[in-house]
């Protein structure tokens, strides 16, 4: 039992590390001329097609059931979560993208209040205040100047909001296992990225240098995205989800440190302080959940529900 728990902890840490370096293959693909929209479409199309036979087989066996409305919520808003997060990493700094996405617990708390009528306990209000304070410091608002803001920041912020909405679909889909919800999530990301390509018409990846970007894209899809999802889902079957949430906060640290080392840019005091505030808020939020039974894995872009 202890060996299984240790393996599950290492799996959660591995998933966090893979999500922490997700910016790197996106950056490489961008330098090869594969834009964020095309990266999202190709990566999640590959994962969707690879998992589709298993989804059909499980459905025919009656292994799961899911209503149309929750499935659409997960597909649309879960898909937007991944799409916008990938775009954020292409249009703003890794630190800002991670921090603004990790405000998603605030949206979860608000959604729980609005949709389910859960009371806004004082501890929850403290979590929101700490998170918003960290964001203000990260953006430099404490210096009494208008914070710098770009499209990438908007993508990251809206990505977290979309994930909070997708949580509603996840919470009511108790008849479907986590991997099925993840596959629906992938389908949504691929479909919405395709719509974005049709509407925005970004330059197509050059087939002439596909020998350079195609191996990176396949490795990213299978070695990073699929592997991270499997590691996280495995850890959720062995550990309480609040513990996985806490371990997954390593994503912020890994992402920040690896980007700083790669770019040779020092982390500013504003960024470091903002990170500490948002990490503290996330820890407080998850530690408060440890007493309340089954919880949802809110942070992962390939999340699912596991009851403990």
Protein backbone atom coordinates (compact mmCIF):
# COMPACT_ATOMS: atom_id res chain seq x y z
CA UNK A 1 0.00 0.00 0.00
CA UNK A 2 2.81 2.36 0.92
CA UNK A 3 4.57 1.52 -2.37
CA UNK A 4 1.38 2.34 -4.31
CA UNK A 5 1.08 5.65 -2.49
CA UNK A 6 4.70 6.53 -3.23
CA UNK A 7 4.17 5.66 -6.90
CA UNK A 8 1.04 7.82 -6.99
CA UNK A 9 2.90 10.76 -5.44
CA UNK A 10 5.69 10.41 -7.99
CA UNK A 11 3.06 10.22 -10.75
CA UNK A 12 1.46 13.48 -9.59
CA UNK A 13 4.88 15.14 -9.43
CA UNK A 14 5.69 13.82 -12.90
CA UNK A 15 2.42 15.21 -14.25
CA UNK A 16 3.18 18.58 -12.65
CA UNK A 17 6.65 18.63 -14.19
CA UNK A 18 5.28 17.82 -17.65
CA UNK A 19 2.69 20.60 -17.38
CA UNK A 20 5.35 22.94 -16.05
CA UNK A 21 7.45 22.56 -19.21
CA UNK A 22 4.49 22.65 -21.64
CA UNK A 23 5.60 26.13 -22.73
CA UNK A 24 8.84 24.76 -24.21
CA UNK A 25 7.48 22.58 -27.05
CA UNK A 26 4.92 25.29 -27.82
CA UNK A 27 7.79 27.76 -28.14
CA UNK A 28 9.77 25.38 -30.36
CA UNK A 29 6.80 24.74 -32.63
CA UNK A 30 6.19 28.48 -32.88
CA UNK A 31 9.76 29.01 -34.08
CA UNK A 32 9.13 26.36 -36.74
CA UNK A 33 6.11 28.30 -37.96
CA UNK A 34 3.41 26.24 -36.23
CA UNK A 35 1.13 28.78 -34.52
CA UNK A 36 -0.74 28.23 -31.27
CA UNK A 37 -4.00 27.50 -33.10
CA UNK A 38 -2.39 24.91 -35.36
CA UNK A 39 -0.50 23.36 -32.44
CA UNK A 40 -3.72 22.99 -30.44
CA UNK A 41 -5.61 21.54 -33.40
CA UNK A 42 -2.92 19.04 -34.42
CA UNK A 43 -2.03 17.90 -30.88
CA UNK A 44 -5.58 17.32 -29.71
CA UNK A 45 -6.71 15.88 -33.04
CA UNK A 46 -3.95 13.29 -32.73
CA UNK A 47 -4.95 12.47 -29.16
CA UNK A 48 -8.66 12.39 -30.04
CA UNK A 49 -8.22 10.03 -32.98
CA UNK A 50 -5.90 7.78 -30.95
CA UNK A 51 -8.41 7.50 -28.10
CA UNK A 52 -11.60 7.38 -30.21
CA UNK A 53 -11.66 3.55 -30.67
CA UNK A 54 -11.40 3.08 -26.88
CA UNK A 55 -14.22 5.57 -26.35
CA UNK A 56 -16.49 3.77 -28.84
CA UNK A 57 -15.66 0.36 -27.34
CA UNK A 58 -16.40 1.56 -23.80
CA UNK A 59 -19.69 3.13 -24.94
CA UNK A 60 -20.82 -0.06 -26.69
CA UNK A 61 -20.05 -2.06 -23.55
CA UNK A 62 -22.13 0.36 -21.50
CA UNK A 63 -19.11 1.26 -19.37
CA UNK A 64 -20.21 4.86 -18.99
CA UNK A 65 -23.13 7.22 -19.46
CA UNK A 66 -23.17 10.98 -19.85
CA UNK A 67 -25.93 13.44 -20.70
CA UNK A 68 -25.66 15.67 -23.75
CA UNK A 69 -25.62 19.00 -21.86
CA UNK A 70 -22.73 18.18 -19.49
CA UNK A 71 -20.82 16.68 -22.43
CA UNK A 72 -21.26 19.91 -24.41
CA UNK A 73 -20.19 22.02 -21.41
CA UNK A 74 -17.02 19.93 -21.01
CA UNK A 75 -16.33 19.93 -24.75
CA UNK A 76 -16.84 23.66 -25.28
CA UNK A 77 -15.46 25.17 -22.10
CA UNK A 78 -12.91 22.42 -21.42
CA UNK A 79 -11.73 22.76 -25.01
CA UNK A 80 -11.48 26.52 -24.65
CA UNK A 81 -9.41 25.99 -21.51
CA UNK A 82 -6.68 24.17 -23.42
CA UNK A 83 -6.91 26.31 -26.54
CA UNK A 84 -6.69 29.63 -24.70
CA UNK A 85 -3.94 28.40 -22.38
CA UNK A 86 -1.80 27.33 -25.34
CA UNK A 87 -2.44 30.68 -27.01
CA UNK A 88 -1.55 32.48 -23.76
CA UNK A 89 1.83 30.74 -23.67
CA UNK A 90 2.45 32.01 -27.20
CA UNK A 91 1.45 35.61 -26.49
CA UNK A 92 2.59 36.44 -22.96
CA UNK A 93 5.28 35.39 -20.50
CA UNK A 94 5.12 31.93 -18.97
CA UNK A 95 4.93 33.39 -15.46
CA UNK A 96 1.94 35.60 -16.26
CA UNK A 97 0.16 32.82 -18.15
CA UNK A 98 0.53 30.41 -15.24
CA UNK A 99 -0.44 32.92 -12.59
CA UNK A 100 -3.49 34.25 -14.40
CA UNK A 101 -4.70 30.74 -15.16
CA UNK A 102 -4.23 29.72 -11.54
CA UNK A 103 -6.87 32.25 -10.56
CA UNK A 104 -9.34 29.53 -11.63
CA UNK A 105 -10.06 28.58 -7.97
CA UNK A 106 -11.63 32.03 -7.59
CA UNK A 107 -14.00 31.33 -10.46
CA UNK A 108 -14.72 27.88 -8.98
CA UNK A 109 -15.69 29.44 -5.66
CA UNK A 110 -17.92 32.00 -7.36
CA UNK A 111 -19.50 29.34 -9.59
CA UNK A 112 -20.17 27.14 -6.56
CA UNK A 113 -21.92 30.06 -4.92
CA UNK A 114 -23.97 31.08 -7.98
CA UNK A 115 -24.84 27.66 -9.39
CA UNK A 116 -25.09 25.46 -6.29
CA UNK A 117 -25.74 28.06 -3.62
CA UNK A 118 -22.76 27.02 -1.51
CA UNK A 119 -22.08 29.57 1.25
CA UNK A 120 -19.09 31.86 0.79
CA UNK A 121 -17.29 31.02 4.01
CA UNK A 122 -14.81 33.55 5.47
CA UNK A 123 -11.90 31.26 4.54
CA UNK A 124 -13.04 31.31 0.91
CA UNK A 125 -13.17 35.10 0.95
CA UNK A 126 -9.61 35.14 2.32
CA UNK A 127 -8.51 32.86 -0.56
CA UNK A 128 -10.02 35.26 -3.09
CA UNK A 129 -8.41 38.32 -1.45
CA UNK A 130 -4.97 36.67 -1.33
CA UNK A 131 -5.25 35.52 -4.97
CA UNK A 132 -6.32 38.95 -6.22
CA UNK A 133 -3.60 40.64 -4.16
CA UNK A 134 -1.01 38.33 -5.71
CA UNK A 135 -2.30 39.14 -9.18
CA UNK A 136 -2.20 42.88 -8.49
CA UNK A 137 1.40 42.63 -7.29
CA UNK A 138 2.35 40.44 -10.28
CA UNK A 139 0.95 43.06 -12.65
CA UNK A 140 2.58 45.94 -10.75
CA UNK A 141 -0.68 47.61 -9.70
CA UNK A 142 0.73 48.25 -6.22
CA UNK A 143 3.06 50.82 -7.84
CA UNK A 144 -0.01 52.94 -8.65
CA UNK A 145 0.49 52.69 -12.39
CA UNK A 146 -1.79 51.23 -15.03
CA UNK A 147 -0.77 47.54 -15.27
CA UNK A 148 0.66 46.35 -18.57
CA UNK A 149 -1.80 43.98 -20.24
CA UNK A 150 -1.73 42.08 -23.51
CA UNK A 151 -3.81 39.54 -25.44
CA UNK A 152 -1.91 36.64 -23.90
CA UNK A 153 -2.90 37.80 -20.41
CA UNK A 154 -6.54 37.87 -21.52
CA UNK A 155 -6.23 34.36 -22.96
CA UNK A 156 -4.79 33.04 -19.68
CA UNK A 157 -7.42 34.73 -17.52
CA UNK A 158 -10.33 33.58 -19.70
CA UNK A 159 -8.80 30.09 -19.84
CA UNK A 160 -9.11 29.82 -16.06
CA UNK A 161 -12.69 31.14 -16.22
CA UNK A 162 -13.60 28.58 -18.89
CA UNK A 163 -12.15 25.81 -16.79
CA UNK A 164 -14.30 26.89 -13.84
CA UNK A 165 -17.37 26.64 -16.07
CA UNK A 166 -16.27 23.24 -17.38
CA UNK A 167 -16.05 22.10 -13.75
CA UNK A 168 -19.85 22.28 -13.59
CA UNK A 169 -20.06 19.74 -16.41
CA UNK A 170 -17.43 17.56 -14.75
CA UNK A 171 -19.20 17.57 -11.39
CA UNK A 172 -22.51 16.28 -12.77
CA UNK A 173 -20.92 13.64 -15.03
CA UNK A 174 -20.66 11.03 -12.29
CA UNK A 175 -21.57 8.21 -14.71
CA UNK A 176 -18.41 8.68 -16.78
CA UNK A 177 -14.86 7.75 -15.70
CA UNK A 178 -12.12 10.34 -15.67
CA UNK A 179 -10.46 9.19 -18.89
CA UNK A 180 -13.73 9.58 -20.82
CA UNK A 181 -14.12 13.16 -19.59
CA UNK A 182 -10.52 13.81 -20.60
CA UNK A 183 -11.13 12.51 -24.13
CA UNK A 184 -14.25 14.70 -24.46
CA UNK A 185 -12.04 17.59 -23.33
CA UNK A 186 -9.54 16.75 -26.07
CA UNK A 187 -12.23 16.58 -28.75
CA UNK A 188 -13.46 20.01 -27.71
CA UNK A 189 -9.99 21.54 -27.92
CA UNK A 190 -9.41 20.10 -31.41
CA UNK A 191 -12.83 21.22 -32.70
CA UNK A 192 -12.58 24.76 -31.32
CA UNK A 193 -9.02 25.14 -32.63
CA UNK A 194 -10.30 24.13 -36.06
CA UNK A 195 -13.00 26.80 -35.85
CA UNK A 196 -10.31 29.30 -34.86
CA UNK A 197 -8.21 28.31 -37.88
CA UNK A 198 -11.20 28.73 -40.21
CA UNK A 199 -12.08 32.14 -38.76
CA UNK A 200 -8.59 33.59 -38.19
CA UNK A 201 -6.80 31.91 -41.13
CA UNK A 202 -3.33 31.70 -39.52
CA UNK A 203 -0.49 30.56 -41.80
CA UNK A 204 -0.46 26.80 -42.29
CA UNK A 205 2.58 24.87 -41.03
CA UNK A 206 5.13 24.54 -43.80
CA UNK A 207 5.23 20.99 -45.15
CA UNK A 208 8.72 21.63 -46.46
CA UNK A 209 10.20 21.57 -42.95
CA UNK A 210 7.75 19.03 -41.49
CA UNK A 211 10.76 16.82 -40.74
CA UNK A 212 11.61 19.42 -38.09
CA UNK A 213 8.28 20.26 -36.48
CA UNK A 214 6.30 17.02 -36.91
CA UNK A 215 8.48 14.90 -34.55
CA UNK A 216 8.28 17.69 -31.97
CA UNK A 217 4.50 17.85 -32.31
CA UNK A 218 4.05 14.06 -31.97
CA UNK A 219 6.41 13.96 -28.99
CA UNK A 220 4.51 16.85 -27.42
CA UNK A 221 1.13 15.16 -27.93
CA UNK A 222 2.12 11.71 -26.71
CA UNK A 223 5.10 12.35 -24.47
CA UNK A 224 3.75 15.43 -22.73
CA UNK A 225 -0.01 15.83 -22.97
CA UNK A 226 -1.11 12.19 -23.01
CA UNK A 227 1.53 11.11 -20.48
CA UNK A 228 0.73 13.98 -18.11
CA UNK A 229 -2.97 13.10 -18.22
CA UNK A 230 -2.31 9.41 -17.52
CA UNK A 231 0.03 10.21 -14.63
CA UNK A 232 -2.44 12.59 -13.04
CA UNK A 233 -5.40 10.24 -13.50
CA UNK A 234 -3.40 7.38 -11.96
CA UNK A 235 -2.42 9.49 -8.96
CA UNK A 236 -6.09 10.41 -8.46
CA UNK A 237 -7.04 6.74 -8.17
CA UNK A 238 -4.59 6.27 -5.29
CA UNK A 239 -4.56 9.62 -3.46
CA UNK A 240 -7.12 12.08 -2.13
CA UNK A 241 -7.61 14.71 -4.81
CA UNK A 242 -6.70 17.62 -2.51
CA UNK A 243 -3.26 16.03 -2.10
CA UNK A 244 -2.89 15.79 -5.88
CA UNK A 245 -3.97 19.44 -6.16
CA UNK A 246 -1.21 20.46 -3.77
CA UNK A 247 1.44 18.36 -5.53
CA UNK A 248 0.37 19.81 -8.88
CA UNK A 249 1.20 23.30 -7.66
CA UNK A 250 4.74 22.29 -8.60
CA UNK A 251 3.63 23.17 -12.13
CA UNK A 252 3.95 26.85 -11.25
CA UNK A 253 7.42 26.43 -9.78
CA UNK A 254 8.69 24.21 -12.60
CA UNK A 255 7.27 26.50 -15.27
CA UNK A 256 8.70 29.62 -13.69
CA UNK A 257 12.15 28.20 -12.99
CA UNK A 258 12.60 26.46 -16.36
CA UNK A 259 11.51 29.54 -18.28
CA UNK A 260 13.84 31.76 -16.24
CA UNK A 261 16.77 29.40 -16.90
CA UNK A 262 15.96 29.08 -20.61
CA UNK A 263 15.39 32.77 -21.24
CA UNK A 264 18.15 33.93 -18.89
CA UNK A 265 15.65 36.47 -17.55
CA UNK A 266 15.67 37.03 -13.81
CA UNK A 267 12.35 36.66 -12.01
CA UNK A 268 11.35 40.11 -10.79
CA UNK A 269 10.41 40.83 -7.20
CA UNK A 270 6.85 41.58 -8.33
CA UNK A 271 6.59 38.19 -10.04
CA UNK A 272 8.13 36.32 -7.13
CA UNK A 273 5.84 37.99 -4.59
CA UNK A 274 2.78 37.43 -6.77
CA UNK A 275 3.69 33.76 -7.17
CA UNK A 276 4.02 33.36 -3.39
CA UNK A 277 0.61 34.95 -2.81
CA UNK A 278 -1.16 32.81 -5.40
CA UNK A 279 0.58 29.64 -4.20
CA UNK A 280 -0.46 30.47 -0.63
CA UNK A 281 -4.07 31.00 -1.72
CA UNK A 282 -4.10 27.69 -3.62
CA UNK A 283 -2.61 25.83 -0.66
CA UNK A 284 -5.14 27.37 1.73
CA UNK A 285 -7.99 26.48 -0.60
CA UNK A 286 -6.89 22.86 -1.00
CA UNK A 287 -6.05 22.30 2.67
CA UNK A 288 -9.55 23.48 3.57
CA UNK A 289 -10.96 20.82 1.20
CA UNK A 290 -9.18 17.96 2.97
CA UNK A 291 -12.05 17.70 5.47
CA UNK A 292 -14.89 17.62 2.99
CA UNK A 293 -14.73 14.26 1.20
CA UNK A 294 -14.63 13.92 -2.62
CA UNK A 295 -13.14 16.85 -4.42
CA UNK A 296 -12.58 17.87 -7.99
CA UNK A 297 -9.14 18.24 -9.48
CA UNK A 298 -9.52 21.88 -10.52
CA UNK A 299 -6.07 22.80 -11.73
CA UNK A 300 -5.35 20.31 -14.45
CA UNK A 301 -6.27 21.13 -18.04
CA UNK A 302 -7.05 17.44 -18.44
CA UNK A 303 -9.03 17.05 -15.25
CA UNK A 304 -11.46 14.41 -14.09
CA UNK A 305 -13.45 13.37 -11.06
CA UNK A 306 -12.30 10.61 -8.77
CA UNK A 307 -14.25 9.82 -5.63
CA UNK A 308 -12.30 8.84 -2.57
